[in-house]
């Protein structure tokens, strides 16, 4: 894959959303930002052809990251969608098999900007 990568980034906490979106932009990613799962689903439907990666918080008030991503995958079964899930809990604590999907990756909060960017580079090879 070459060129600028487009990420749909979803985080319900305002400060963390702004901080992480800034990190992504400074590292030459194009970023579409959503504050929750419902908004993310709408944005994905508008930009589905352009998005290279979904980066989402797992736990959000109106719709979890796991649920909105599942909806996206059911609406676009032909599209191979890579997802990086973010959570303050571990995979073992969450206990949801969707986190173990072959196109899913996981990063535990808190994370540094360096760790986030390294993870993204591995995913978007």
PDB file of N, CA and C in Angstrom:
ATOM      1  N   UNK A   1       0.836  -1.171   0.000  1.00  0.00           N
ATOM      2  CA  UNK A   1       0.000   0.000   0.000  1.00  0.00           C
ATOM      3  C   UNK A   1       0.883   1.237   0.000  1.00  0.00           C
ATOM      4  N   UNK A   2       0.512   2.223  -0.794  1.00  0.00           N
ATOM      5  CA  UNK A   2       1.306   3.437  -0.841  1.00  0.00           C
ATOM      6  C   UNK A   2       0.390   4.639  -0.756  1.00  0.00           C
ATOM      7  N   UNK A   3       1.001   5.821  -0.583  1.00  0.00           N
ATOM      8  CA  UNK A   3       0.222   7.039  -0.490  1.00  0.00           C
ATOM      9  C   UNK A   3      -0.270   7.278   0.923  1.00  0.00           C
ATOM     10  N   UNK A   4      -0.979   8.382   1.079  1.00  0.00           N
ATOM     11  CA  UNK A   4      -1.511   8.749   2.387  1.00  0.00           C
ATOM     12  C   UNK A   4      -2.662   7.821   2.747  1.00  0.00           C
ATOM     13  N   UNK A   5      -2.621   7.303   3.951  1.00  0.00           N
ATOM     14  CA  UNK A   5      -3.660   6.391   4.433  1.00  0.00           C
ATOM     15  C   UNK A   5      -4.753   7.190   5.133  1.00  0.00           C
ATOM     16  N   UNK A   6      -5.999   6.769   4.931  1.00  0.00           N
ATOM     17  CA  UNK A   6      -7.136   7.441   5.560  1.00  0.00           C
ATOM     18  C   UNK A   6      -7.676   6.557   6.675  1.00  0.00           C
ATOM     19  N   UNK A   7      -7.798   7.170   7.855  1.00  0.00           N
ATOM     20  CA  UNK A   7      -8.246   6.474   9.052  1.00  0.00           C
ATOM     21  C   UNK A   7      -9.548   7.090   9.540  1.00  0.00           C
ATOM     22  N   UNK A   8     -10.515   6.243   9.865  1.00  0.00           N
ATOM     23  CA  UNK A   8     -11.707   6.687  10.576  1.00  0.00           C
ATOM     24  C   UNK A   8     -11.435   6.419  12.052  1.00  0.00           C
ATOM     25  N   UNK A   9     -11.288   7.504  12.822  1.00  0.00           N
ATOM     26  CA  UNK A   9     -10.928   7.412  14.235  1.00  0.00           C
ATOM     27  C   UNK A   9     -12.129   7.766  15.101  1.00  0.00           C
ATOM     28  N   UNK A  10     -12.468   6.876  16.038  1.00  0.00           N
ATOM     29  CA  UNK A  10     -13.658   7.048  16.866  1.00  0.00           C
ATOM     30  C   UNK A  10     -13.287   6.968  18.348  1.00  0.00           C
ATOM     31  N   UNK A  11     -13.613   8.044  19.066  1.00  0.00           N
ATOM     32  CA  UNK A  11     -13.314   8.122  20.503  1.00  0.00           C
ATOM     33  C   UNK A  11     -14.340   9.053  21.135  1.00  0.00           C
ATOM     34  N   UNK A  12     -14.988   8.606  22.208  1.00  0.00           N
ATOM     35  CA  UNK A  12     -16.023   9.427  22.840  1.00  0.00           C
ATOM     36  C   UNK A  12     -15.486  10.464  23.814  1.00  0.00           C
ATOM     37  N   UNK A  13     -14.252  10.318  24.283  1.00  0.00           N
ATOM     38  CA  UNK A  13     -13.667  11.293  25.206  1.00  0.00           C
ATOM     39  C   UNK A  13     -13.032  12.427  24.395  1.00  0.00           C
ATOM     40  N   UNK A  14     -13.551  13.647  24.580  1.00  0.00           N
ATOM     41  CA  UNK A  14     -13.145  14.795  23.768  1.00  0.00           C
ATOM     42  C   UNK A  14     -11.635  15.029  23.737  1.00  0.00           C
ATOM     43  N   UNK A  15     -11.010  15.109  24.901  1.00  0.00           N
ATOM     44  CA  UNK A  15      -9.577  15.409  24.961  1.00  0.00           C
ATOM     45  C   UNK A  15      -8.741  14.325  24.283  1.00  0.00           C
ATOM     46  N   UNK A  16      -9.065  13.081  24.556  1.00  0.00           N
ATOM     47  CA  UNK A  16      -8.326  11.973  23.951  1.00  0.00           C
ATOM     48  C   UNK A  16      -8.548  11.937  22.440  1.00  0.00           C
ATOM     49  N   UNK A  17      -9.758  12.235  22.000  1.00  0.00           N
ATOM     50  CA  UNK A  17     -10.066  12.274  20.563  1.00  0.00           C
ATOM     51  C   UNK A  17      -9.225  13.349  19.870  1.00  0.00           C
ATOM     52  N   UNK A  18      -9.186  14.540  20.440  1.00  0.00           N
ATOM     53  CA  UNK A  18      -8.419  15.636  19.848  1.00  0.00           C
ATOM     54  C   UNK A  18      -6.922  15.338  19.852  1.00  0.00           C
ATOM     55  N   UNK A  19      -6.425  14.843  20.966  1.00  0.00           N
ATOM     56  CA  UNK A  19      -5.004  14.529  21.090  1.00  0.00           C
ATOM     57  C   UNK A  19      -4.584  13.458  20.080  1.00  0.00           C
ATOM     58  N   UNK A  20      -5.338  12.363  20.018  1.00  0.00           N
ATOM     59  CA  UNK A  20      -4.982  11.255  19.127  1.00  0.00           C
ATOM     60  C   UNK A  20      -5.139  11.646  17.662  1.00  0.00           C
ATOM     61  N   UNK A  21      -6.187  12.376  17.325  1.00  0.00           N
ATOM     62  CA  UNK A  21      -6.357  12.835  15.942  1.00  0.00           C
ATOM     63  C   UNK A  21      -5.178  13.711  15.534  1.00  0.00           C
ATOM     64  N   UNK A  22      -4.717  14.558  16.441  1.00  0.00           N
ATOM     65  CA  UNK A  22      -3.546  15.395  16.159  1.00  0.00           C
ATOM     66  C   UNK A  22      -2.294  14.569  15.916  1.00  0.00           C
ATOM     67  N   UNK A  23      -2.094  13.540  16.721  1.00  0.00           N
ATOM     68  CA  UNK A  23      -0.940  12.642  16.545  1.00  0.00           C
ATOM     69  C   UNK A  23      -0.999  11.990  15.167  1.00  0.00           C
ATOM     70  N   UNK A  24      -2.166  11.511  14.795  1.00  0.00           N
ATOM     71  CA  UNK A  24      -2.327  10.843  13.494  1.00  0.00           C
ATOM     72  C   UNK A  24      -2.026  11.816  12.345  1.00  0.00           C
ATOM     73  N   UNK A  25      -2.556  13.020  12.440  1.00  0.00           N
ATOM     74  CA  UNK A  25      -2.336  14.011  11.375  1.00  0.00           C
ATOM     75  C   UNK A  25      -0.867  14.407  11.275  1.00  0.00           C
ATOM     76  N   UNK A  26      -0.212  14.577  12.414  1.00  0.00           N
ATOM     77  CA  UNK A  26       1.219  14.932  12.401  1.00  0.00           C
ATOM     78  C   UNK A  26       2.079  13.817  11.805  1.00  0.00           C
ATOM     79  N   UNK A  27       1.547  12.606  11.803  1.00  0.00           N
ATOM     80  CA  UNK A  27       2.283  11.474  11.236  1.00  0.00           C
ATOM     81  C   UNK A  27       1.773  11.114   9.844  1.00  0.00           C
ATOM     82  N   UNK A  28       1.168  12.098   9.198  1.00  0.00           N
ATOM     83  CA  UNK A  28       0.789  12.027   7.783  1.00  0.00           C
ATOM     84  C   UNK A  28      -0.331  11.053   7.457  1.00  0.00           C
ATOM     85  N   UNK A  29      -1.231  10.872   8.395  1.00  0.00           N
ATOM     86  CA  UNK A  29      -2.437  10.117   8.108  1.00  0.00           C
ATOM     87  C   UNK A  29      -3.566  11.118   7.870  1.00  0.00           C
ATOM     88  N   UNK A  30      -4.442  10.800   6.951  1.00  0.00           N
ATOM     89  CA  UNK A  30      -5.648  11.597   6.779  1.00  0.00           C
ATOM     90  C   UNK A  30      -6.666  11.011   7.744  1.00  0.00           C
ATOM     91  N   UNK A  31      -7.342  11.868   8.507  1.00  0.00           N
ATOM     92  CA  UNK A  31      -8.188  11.390   9.590  1.00  0.00           C
ATOM     93  C   UNK A  31      -9.611  11.932   9.473  1.00  0.00           C
ATOM     94  N   UNK A  32     -10.558  11.026   9.550  1.00  0.00           N
ATOM     95  CA  UNK A  32     -11.966  11.373   9.707  1.00  0.00           C
ATOM     96  C   UNK A  32     -12.286  11.039  11.153  1.00  0.00           C
ATOM     97  N   UNK A  33     -12.852  11.996  11.877  1.00  0.00           N
ATOM     98  CA  UNK A  33     -13.045  11.835  13.318  1.00  0.00           C
ATOM     99  C   UNK A  33     -14.527  11.737  13.661  1.00  0.00           C
ATOM    100  N   UNK A  34     -14.846  10.798  14.544  1.00  0.00           N
ATOM    101  CA  UNK A  34     -16.214  10.638  15.049  1.00  0.00           C
ATOM    102  C   UNK A  34     -16.176  10.564  16.575  1.00  0.00           C
ATOM    103  N   UNK A  35     -17.238  11.066  17.203  1.00  0.00           N
ATOM    104  CA  UNK A  35     -17.324  11.078  18.659  1.00  0.00           C
ATOM    105  C   UNK A  35     -18.062   9.869  19.215  1.00  0.00           C
ATOM    106  N   UNK A  36     -18.570   9.005  18.335  1.00  0.00           N
ATOM    107  CA  UNK A  36     -19.293   7.827  18.804  1.00  0.00           C
ATOM    108  C   UNK A  36     -19.624   6.895  17.661  1.00  0.00           C
ATOM    109  N   UNK A  37     -20.191   5.746  18.013  1.00  0.00           N
ATOM    110  CA  UNK A  37     -20.467   4.700  17.047  1.00  0.00           C
ATOM    111  C   UNK A  37     -21.490   5.055  15.989  1.00  0.00           C
ATOM    112  N   UNK A  38     -22.554   5.760  16.368  1.00  0.00           N
ATOM    113  CA  UNK A  38     -23.589   6.125  15.407  1.00  0.00           C
ATOM    114  C   UNK A  38     -23.003   7.066  14.348  1.00  0.00           C
ATOM    115  N   UNK A  39     -22.267   8.077  14.800  1.00  0.00           N
ATOM    116  CA  UNK A  39     -21.632   9.008  13.874  1.00  0.00           C
ATOM    117  C   UNK A  39     -20.603   8.284  13.008  1.00  0.00           C
ATOM    118  N   UNK A  40     -19.851   7.370  13.583  1.00  0.00           N
ATOM    119  CA  UNK A  40     -18.847   6.612  12.835  1.00  0.00           C
ATOM    120  C   UNK A  40     -19.487   5.797  11.725  1.00  0.00           C
ATOM    121  N   UNK A  41     -20.601   5.178  12.021  1.00  0.00           N
ATOM    122  CA  UNK A  41     -21.317   4.386  11.023  1.00  0.00           C
ATOM    123  C   UNK A  41     -21.751   5.269   9.857  1.00  0.00           C
ATOM    124  N   UNK A  42     -22.293   6.444  10.151  1.00  0.00           N
ATOM    125  CA  UNK A  42     -22.699   7.387   9.099  1.00  0.00           C
ATOM    126  C   UNK A  42     -21.503   7.838   8.264  1.00  0.00           C
ATOM    127  N   UNK A  43     -20.390   8.166   8.928  1.00  0.00           N
ATOM    128  CA  UNK A  43     -19.198   8.618   8.210  1.00  0.00           C
ATOM    129  C   UNK A  43     -18.606   7.502   7.350  1.00  0.00           C
ATOM    130  N   UNK A  44     -18.625   6.277   7.867  1.00  0.00           N
ATOM    131  CA  UNK A  44     -18.111   5.173   7.066  1.00  0.00           C
ATOM    132  C   UNK A  44     -18.937   4.997   5.802  1.00  0.00           C
ATOM    133  N   UNK A  45     -20.247   5.111   5.919  1.00  0.00           N
ATOM    134  CA  UNK A  45     -21.115   4.953   4.754  1.00  0.00           C
ATOM    135  C   UNK A  45     -20.823   6.027   3.701  1.00  0.00           C
ATOM    136  N   UNK A  46     -20.458   7.230   4.131  1.00  0.00           N
ATOM    137  CA  UNK A  46     -20.135   8.313   3.194  1.00  0.00           C
ATOM    138  C   UNK A  46     -18.765   8.131   2.549  1.00  0.00           C
ATOM    139  N   UNK A  47     -17.821   7.544   3.279  1.00  0.00           N
ATOM    140  CA  UNK A  47     -16.424   7.493   2.840  1.00  0.00           C
ATOM    141  C   UNK A  47     -15.875   6.080   2.696  1.00  0.00           C
ATOM    142  N   UNK A  48     -16.714   5.086   2.572  1.00  0.00           N
ATOM    143  CA  UNK A  48     -16.274   3.688   2.622  1.00  0.00           C
ATOM    144  C   UNK A  48     -15.183   3.347   1.617  1.00  0.00           C
ATOM    145  N   UNK A  49     -15.226   3.918   0.445  1.00  0.00           N
ATOM    146  CA  UNK A  49     -14.241   3.589  -0.591  1.00  0.00           C
ATOM    147  C   UNK A  49     -12.847   4.122  -0.269  1.00  0.00           C
ATOM    148  N   UNK A  50     -12.773   5.147   0.568  1.00  0.00           N
ATOM    149  CA  UNK A  50     -11.496   5.814   0.838  1.00  0.00           C
ATOM    150  C   UNK A  50     -10.798   5.336   2.104  1.00  0.00           C
ATOM    151  N   UNK A  51     -11.522   4.708   3.014  1.00  0.00           N
ATOM    152  CA  UNK A  51     -10.986   4.406   4.341  1.00  0.00           C
ATOM    153  C   UNK A  51     -10.129   3.146   4.324  1.00  0.00           C
ATOM    154  N   UNK A  52      -8.908   3.298   4.867  1.00  0.00           N
ATOM    155  CA  UNK A  52      -7.961   2.185   4.930  1.00  0.00           C
ATOM    156  C   UNK A  52      -8.007   1.435   6.258  1.00  0.00           C
ATOM    157  N   UNK A  53      -8.441   2.130   7.322  1.00  0.00           N
ATOM    158  CA  UNK A  53      -8.386   1.529   8.653  1.00  0.00           C
ATOM    159  C   UNK A  53      -9.402   2.198   9.567  1.00  0.00           C
ATOM    160  N   UNK A  54     -10.035   1.396  10.412  1.00  0.00           N
ATOM    161  CA  UNK A  54     -10.902   1.897  11.465  1.00  0.00           C
ATOM    162  C   UNK A  54     -10.120   1.816  12.770  1.00  0.00           C
ATOM    163  N   UNK A  55     -10.085   2.906  13.520  1.00  0.00           N
ATOM    164  CA  UNK A  55      -9.463   2.926  14.843  1.00  0.00           C
ATOM    165  C   UNK A  55     -10.551   3.384  15.796  1.00  0.00           C
ATOM    166  N   UNK A  56     -10.923   2.512  16.730  1.00  0.00           N
ATOM    167  CA  UNK A  56     -12.069   2.825  17.577  1.00  0.00           C
ATOM    168  C   UNK A  56     -11.893   2.399  19.022  1.00  0.00           C
ATOM    169  N   UNK A  57     -12.428   3.234  19.888  1.00  0.00           N
ATOM    170  CA  UNK A  57     -12.551   2.873  21.288  1.00  0.00           C
ATOM    171  C   UNK A  57     -13.530   1.693  21.360  1.00  0.00           C
ATOM    172  N   UNK A  58     -13.328   0.792  22.277  1.00  0.00           N
ATOM    173  CA  UNK A  58     -14.233  -0.348  22.419  1.00  0.00           C
ATOM    174  C   UNK A  58     -15.517   0.073  23.127  1.00  0.00           C
ATOM    175  N   UNK A  59     -15.382   0.757  24.254  1.00  0.00           N
ATOM    176  CA  UNK A  59     -16.550   1.099  25.076  1.00  0.00           C
ATOM    177  C   UNK A  59     -16.931   2.560  24.895  1.00  0.00           C
ATOM    178  N   UNK A  60     -18.132   2.781  24.360  1.00  0.00           N
ATOM    179  CA  UNK A  60     -18.671   4.127  24.175  1.00  0.00           C
ATOM    180  C   UNK A  60     -20.146   4.095  24.540  1.00  0.00           C
ATOM    181  N   UNK A  61     -20.708   5.236  24.945  1.00  0.00           N
ATOM    182  CA  UNK A  61     -22.080   5.255  25.469  1.00  0.00           C
ATOM    183  C   UNK A  61     -23.176   4.783  24.514  1.00  0.00           C
ATOM    184  N   UNK A  62     -23.307   5.354  23.341  1.00  0.00           N
ATOM    185  CA  UNK A  62     -24.469   5.040  22.513  1.00  0.00           C
ATOM    186  C   UNK A  62     -24.336   3.755  21.705  1.00  0.00           C
ATOM    187  N   UNK A  63     -23.139   3.447  21.254  1.00  0.00           N
ATOM    188  CA  UNK A  63     -22.898   2.222  20.494  1.00  0.00           C
ATOM    189  C   UNK A  63     -21.422   1.865  20.641  1.00  0.00           C
ATOM    190  N   UNK A  64     -21.135   0.667  21.071  1.00  0.00           N
ATOM    191  CA  UNK A  64     -19.739   0.274  21.293  1.00  0.00           C
ATOM    192  C   UNK A  64     -18.982   0.176  19.971  1.00  0.00           C
ATOM    193  N   UNK A  65     -17.674   0.250  20.079  1.00  0.00           N
ATOM    194  CA  UNK A  65     -16.834   0.075  18.894  1.00  0.00           C
ATOM    195  C   UNK A  65     -17.056  -1.281  18.251  1.00  0.00           C
ATOM    196  N   UNK A  66     -17.211  -2.304  19.072  1.00  0.00           N
ATOM    197  CA  UNK A  66     -17.447  -3.643  18.547  1.00  0.00           C
ATOM    198  C   UNK A  66     -18.754  -3.710  17.758  1.00  0.00           C
ATOM    199  N   UNK A  67     -19.781  -3.034  18.250  1.00  0.00           N
ATOM    200  CA  UNK A  67     -21.086  -3.093  17.591  1.00  0.00           C
ATOM    201  C   UNK A  67     -21.129  -2.299  16.283  1.00  0.00           C
ATOM    202  N   UNK A  68     -20.560  -1.081  16.274  1.00  0.00           N
ATOM    203  CA  UNK A  68     -20.629  -0.326  15.018  1.00  0.00           C
ATOM    204  C   UNK A  68     -19.742  -0.957  13.951  1.00  0.00           C
ATOM    205  N   UNK A  69     -18.605  -1.525  14.347  1.00  0.00           N
ATOM    206  CA  UNK A  69     -17.739  -2.208  13.369  1.00  0.00           C
ATOM    207  C   UNK A  69     -18.454  -3.445  12.817  1.00  0.00           C
ATOM    208  N   UNK A  70     -19.142  -4.174  13.682  1.00  0.00           N
ATOM    209  CA  UNK A  70     -19.903  -5.339  13.223  1.00  0.00           C
ATOM    210  C   UNK A  70     -20.955  -4.917  12.189  1.00  0.00           C
ATOM    211  N   UNK A  71     -21.613  -3.790  12.441  1.00  0.00           N
ATOM    212  CA  UNK A  71     -22.596  -3.275  11.479  1.00  0.00           C
ATOM    213  C   UNK A  71     -21.949  -2.938  10.147  1.00  0.00           C
ATOM    214  N   UNK A  72     -20.800  -2.279  10.200  1.00  0.00           N
ATOM    215  CA  UNK A  72     -20.073  -1.933   8.973  1.00  0.00           C
ATOM    216  C   UNK A  72     -19.733  -3.193   8.195  1.00  0.00           C
ATOM    217  N   UNK A  73     -19.219  -4.188   8.881  1.00  0.00           N
ATOM    218  CA  UNK A  73     -18.836  -5.434   8.214  1.00  0.00           C
ATOM    219  C   UNK A  73     -20.033  -6.156   7.607  1.00  0.00           C
ATOM    220  N   UNK A  74     -21.187  -6.049   8.244  1.00  0.00           N
ATOM    221  CA  UNK A  74     -22.375  -6.694   7.674  1.00  0.00           C
ATOM    222  C   UNK A  74     -22.906  -5.904   6.471  1.00  0.00           C
ATOM    223  N   UNK A  75     -22.738  -4.590   6.485  1.00  0.00           N
ATOM    224  CA  UNK A  75     -23.186  -3.763   5.354  1.00  0.00           C
ATOM    225  C   UNK A  75     -22.248  -3.855   4.150  1.00  0.00           C
ATOM    226  N   UNK A  76     -20.976  -4.141   4.413  1.00  0.00           N
ATOM    227  CA  UNK A  76     -19.950  -4.193   3.365  1.00  0.00           C
ATOM    228  C   UNK A  76     -19.192  -5.524   3.428  1.00  0.00           C
ATOM    229  N   UNK A  77     -19.865  -6.644   3.234  1.00  0.00           N
ATOM    230  CA  UNK A  77     -19.199  -7.946   3.395  1.00  0.00           C
ATOM    231  C   UNK A  77     -18.068  -8.177   2.391  1.00  0.00           C
ATOM    232  N   UNK A  78     -18.109  -7.501   1.264  1.00  0.00           N
ATOM    233  CA  UNK A  78     -17.071  -7.677   0.233  1.00  0.00           C
ATOM    234  C   UNK A  78     -15.792  -6.902   0.553  1.00  0.00           C
ATOM    235  N   UNK A  79     -15.852  -5.948   1.461  1.00  0.00           N
ATOM    236  CA  UNK A  79     -14.704  -5.096   1.773  1.00  0.00           C
ATOM    237  C   UNK A  79     -13.933  -5.678   2.954  1.00  0.00           C
ATOM    238  N   UNK A  80     -12.648  -5.876   2.756  1.00  0.00           N
ATOM    239  CA  UNK A  80     -11.790  -6.345   3.849  1.00  0.00           C
ATOM    240  C   UNK A  80     -11.465  -5.127   4.712  1.00  0.00           C
ATOM    241  N   UNK A  81     -11.999  -5.104   5.911  1.00  0.00           N
ATOM    242  CA  UNK A  81     -11.892  -3.945   6.783  1.00  0.00           C
ATOM    243  C   UNK A  81     -10.971  -4.255   7.957  1.00  0.00           C
ATOM    244  N   UNK A  82      -9.892  -3.501   8.056  1.00  0.00           N
ATOM    245  CA  UNK A  82      -8.972  -3.658   9.182  1.00  0.00           C
ATOM    246  C   UNK A  82      -9.399  -2.712  10.295  1.00  0.00           C
ATOM    247  N   UNK A  83      -9.272  -3.212  11.538  1.00  0.00           N
ATOM    248  CA  UNK A  83      -9.722  -2.448  12.698  1.00  0.00           C
ATOM    249  C   UNK A  83      -8.671  -2.506  13.797  1.00  0.00           C
ATOM    250  N   UNK A  84      -8.389  -1.341  14.373  1.00  0.00           N
ATOM    251  CA  UNK A  84      -7.571  -1.272  15.582  1.00  0.00           C
ATOM    252  C   UNK A  84      -8.490  -0.837  16.718  1.00  0.00           C
ATOM    253  N   UNK A  85      -8.712  -1.745  17.666  1.00  0.00           N
ATOM    254  CA  UNK A  85      -9.547  -1.450  18.830  1.00  0.00           C
ATOM    255  C   UNK A  85      -8.668  -0.896  19.944  1.00  0.00           C
ATOM    256  N   UNK A  86      -9.200   0.106  20.660  1.00  0.00           N
ATOM    257  CA  UNK A  86      -8.498   0.731  21.775  1.00  0.00           C
ATOM    258  C   UNK A  86      -9.340   0.576  23.034  1.00  0.00           C
ATOM    259  N   UNK A  87      -8.704   0.218  24.141  1.00  0.00           N
ATOM    260  CA  UNK A  87      -9.459   0.090  25.387  1.00  0.00           C
ATOM    261  C   UNK A  87      -8.534   0.168  26.589  1.00  0.00           C
ATOM    262  N   UNK A  88      -9.100   0.645  27.688  1.00  0.00           N
ATOM    263  CA  UNK A  88      -8.388   0.643  28.955  1.00  0.00           C
ATOM    264  C   UNK A  88      -8.403  -0.728  29.612  1.00  0.00           C
ATOM    265  N   UNK A  89      -9.175  -1.637  29.048  1.00  0.00           N
ATOM    266  CA  UNK A  89      -9.211  -3.022  29.529  1.00  0.00           C
ATOM    267  C   UNK A  89      -8.417  -3.912  28.573  1.00  0.00           C
ATOM    268  N   UNK A  90      -8.025  -5.065  29.046  1.00  0.00           N
ATOM    269  CA  UNK A  90      -7.309  -6.016  28.213  1.00  0.00           C
ATOM    270  C   UNK A  90      -8.292  -6.856  27.402  1.00  0.00           C
ATOM    271  N   UNK A  91      -7.794  -7.552  26.399  1.00  0.00           N
ATOM    272  CA  UNK A  91      -8.614  -8.470  25.613  1.00  0.00           C
ATOM    273  C   UNK A  91      -9.225  -9.529  26.530  1.00  0.00           C
ATOM    274  N   UNK A  92      -8.444 -10.031  27.472  1.00  0.00           N
ATOM    275  CA  UNK A  92      -8.939 -11.058  28.405  1.00  0.00           C
ATOM    276  C   UNK A  92     -10.075 -10.526  29.272  1.00  0.00           C
ATOM    277  N   UNK A  93     -10.008  -9.251  29.659  1.00  0.00           N
ATOM    278  CA  UNK A  93     -11.073  -8.662  30.468  1.00  0.00           C
ATOM    279  C   UNK A  93     -12.347  -8.443  29.640  1.00  0.00           C
ATOM    280  N   UNK A  94     -12.183  -8.082  28.395  1.00  0.00           N
ATOM    281  CA  UNK A  94     -13.337  -7.788  27.541  1.00  0.00           C
ATOM    282  C   UNK A  94     -14.063  -9.070  27.134  1.00  0.00           C
ATOM    283  N   UNK A  95     -13.297 -10.113  26.843  1.00  0.00           N
ATOM    284  CA  UNK A  95     -13.865 -11.430  26.524  1.00  0.00           C
ATOM    285  C   UNK A  95     -14.881 -11.395  25.380  1.00  0.00           C
ATOM    286  N   UNK A  96     -14.511 -10.766  24.276  1.00  0.00           N
ATOM    287  CA  UNK A  96     -15.396 -10.732  23.113  1.00  0.00           C
ATOM    288  C   UNK A  96     -14.631 -11.298  21.918  1.00  0.00           C
ATOM    289  N   UNK A  97     -15.144 -12.352  21.287  1.00  0.00           N
ATOM    290  CA  UNK A  97     -14.424 -12.994  20.182  1.00  0.00           C
ATOM    291  C   UNK A  97     -14.196 -12.075  18.976  1.00  0.00           C
ATOM    292  N   UNK A  98     -14.962 -11.002  18.854  1.00  0.00           N
ATOM    293  CA  UNK A  98     -14.767 -10.081  17.731  1.00  0.00           C
ATOM    294  C   UNK A  98     -13.405  -9.399  17.783  1.00  0.00           C
ATOM    295  N   UNK A  99     -12.823  -9.318  18.966  1.00  0.00           N
ATOM    296  CA  UNK A  99     -11.485  -8.732  19.097  1.00  0.00           C
ATOM    297  C   UNK A  99     -10.415  -9.635  18.492  1.00  0.00           C
ATOM    298  N   UNK A 100     -10.740 -10.898  18.285  1.00  0.00           N
ATOM    299  CA  UNK A 100      -9.781 -11.877  17.788  1.00  0.00           C
ATOM    300  C   UNK A 100      -9.941 -12.147  16.300  1.00  0.00           C
ATOM    301  N   UNK A 101     -10.794 -11.395  15.638  1.00  0.00           N
ATOM    302  CA  UNK A 101     -10.999 -11.508  14.191  1.00  0.00           C
ATOM    303  C   UNK A 101      -9.649 -11.336  13.486  1.00  0.00           C
ATOM    304  N   UNK A 102      -9.460 -11.986  12.362  1.00  0.00           N
ATOM    305  CA  UNK A 102      -8.169 -11.943  11.659  1.00  0.00           C
ATOM    306  C   UNK A 102      -7.794 -10.542  11.172  1.00  0.00           C
ATOM    307  N   UNK A 103      -8.757  -9.649  10.998  1.00  0.00           N
ATOM    308  CA  UNK A 103      -8.473  -8.283  10.565  1.00  0.00           C
ATOM    309  C   UNK A 103      -8.546  -7.288  11.720  1.00  0.00           C
ATOM    310  N   UNK A 104      -8.555  -7.795  12.952  1.00  0.00           N
ATOM    311  CA  UNK A 104      -8.649  -6.941  14.119  1.00  0.00           C
ATOM    312  C   UNK A 104      -7.342  -6.919  14.895  1.00  0.00           C
ATOM    313  N   UNK A 105      -7.053  -5.753  15.424  1.00  0.00           N
ATOM    314  CA  UNK A 105      -5.852  -5.532  16.218  1.00  0.00           C
ATOM    315  C   UNK A 105      -6.295  -4.829  17.491  1.00  0.00           C
ATOM    316  N   UNK A 106      -5.455  -4.852  18.517  1.00  0.00           N
ATOM    317  CA  UNK A 106      -5.851  -4.299  19.807  1.00  0.00           C
ATOM    318  C   UNK A 106      -4.691  -3.538  20.419  1.00  0.00           C
ATOM    319  N   UNK A 107      -5.001  -2.374  20.988  1.00  0.00           N
ATOM    320  CA  UNK A 107      -4.000  -1.581  21.692  1.00  0.00           C
ATOM    321  C   UNK A 107      -4.620  -1.127  23.007  1.00  0.00           C
ATOM    322  N   UNK A 108      -3.939  -1.456  24.090  1.00  0.00           N
ATOM    323  CA  UNK A 108      -4.451  -1.115  25.414  1.00  0.00           C
ATOM    324  C   UNK A 108      -4.091   0.325  25.771  1.00  0.00           C
ATOM    325  N   UNK A 109      -5.071   1.038  26.330  1.00  0.00           N
ATOM    326  CA  UNK A 109      -4.839   2.393  26.839  1.00  0.00           C
ATOM    327  C   UNK A 109      -4.243   2.283  28.230  1.00  0.00           C
ATOM    328  N   UNK A 110      -3.421   3.186  28.658  1.00  0.00           N
ATOM    329  CA  UNK A 110      -2.900   4.299  27.876  1.00  0.00           C
ATOM    330  C   UNK A 110      -1.778   3.845  26.955  1.00  0.00           C
ATOM    331  N   UNK A 111      -1.627   4.530  25.855  1.00  0.00           N
ATOM    332  CA  UNK A 111      -0.560   4.236  24.907  1.00  0.00           C
ATOM    333  C   UNK A 111       0.172   5.531  24.592  1.00  0.00           C
ATOM    334  N   UNK A 112       1.409   5.399  24.160  1.00  0.00           N
ATOM    335  CA  UNK A 112       2.171   6.584  23.762  1.00  0.00           C
ATOM    336  C   UNK A 112       1.955   6.816  22.270  1.00  0.00           C
ATOM    337  N   UNK A 113       2.278   8.006  21.815  1.00  0.00           N
ATOM    338  CA  UNK A 113       2.152   8.291  20.385  1.00  0.00           C
ATOM    339  C   UNK A 113       3.076   7.381  19.585  1.00  0.00           C
ATOM    340  N   UNK A 114       4.244   7.089  20.113  1.00  0.00           N
ATOM    341  CA  UNK A 114       5.196   6.219  19.413  1.00  0.00           C
ATOM    342  C   UNK A 114       4.612   4.809  19.239  1.00  0.00           C
ATOM    343  N   UNK A 115       4.035   4.266  20.294  1.00  0.00           N
ATOM    344  CA  UNK A 115       3.453   2.917  20.224  1.00  0.00           C
ATOM    345  C   UNK A 115       2.277   2.899  19.248  1.00  0.00           C
ATOM    346  N   UNK A 116       1.435   3.935  19.278  1.00  0.00           N
ATOM    347  CA  UNK A 116       0.299   4.011  18.364  1.00  0.00           C
ATOM    348  C   UNK A 116       0.773   4.013  16.916  1.00  0.00           C
ATOM    349  N   UNK A 117       1.736   4.855  16.595  1.00  0.00           N
ATOM    350  CA  UNK A 117       2.210   4.963  15.214  1.00  0.00           C
ATOM    351  C   UNK A 117       2.909   3.672  14.778  1.00  0.00           C
ATOM    352  N   UNK A 118       3.675   3.058  15.654  1.00  0.00           N
ATOM    353  CA  UNK A 118       4.310   1.769  15.320  1.00  0.00           C
ATOM    354  C   UNK A 118       3.254   0.717  15.004  1.00  0.00           C
ATOM    355  N   UNK A 119       2.193   0.670  15.793  1.00  0.00           N
ATOM    356  CA  UNK A 119       1.109  -0.295  15.565  1.00  0.00           C
ATOM    357  C   UNK A 119       0.444  -0.034  14.212  1.00  0.00           C
ATOM    358  N   UNK A 120       0.168   1.231  13.899  1.00  0.00           N
ATOM    359  CA  UNK A 120      -0.460   1.577  12.633  1.00  0.00           C
ATOM    360  C   UNK A 120       0.405   1.170  11.441  1.00  0.00           C
ATOM    361  N   UNK A 121       1.696   1.389  11.565  1.00  0.00           N
ATOM    362  CA  UNK A 121       2.602   1.007  10.468  1.00  0.00           C
ATOM    363  C   UNK A 121       2.572  -0.504  10.231  1.00  0.00           C
ATOM    364  N   UNK A 122       2.508  -1.292  11.298  1.00  0.00           N
ATOM    365  CA  UNK A 122       2.438  -2.744  11.170  1.00  0.00           C
ATOM    366  C   UNK A 122       1.133  -3.162  10.486  1.00  0.00           C
ATOM    367  N   UNK A 123       0.045  -2.529  10.864  1.00  0.00           N
ATOM    368  CA  UNK A 123      -1.270  -2.887  10.311  1.00  0.00           C
ATOM    369  C   UNK A 123      -1.384  -2.495   8.852  1.00  0.00           C
ATOM    370  N   UNK A 124      -0.858  -1.330   8.509  1.00  0.00           N
ATOM    371  CA  UNK A 124      -1.056  -0.775   7.153  1.00  0.00           C
ATOM    372  C   UNK A 124       0.068  -1.121   6.186  1.00  0.00           C
ATOM    373  N   UNK A 125       0.809  -2.171   6.445  1.00  0.00           N
ATOM    374  CA  UNK A 125       1.876  -2.603   5.539  1.00  0.00           C
ATOM    375  C   UNK A 125       1.265  -2.950   4.189  1.00  0.00           C
TER     376      UNK A 125
END
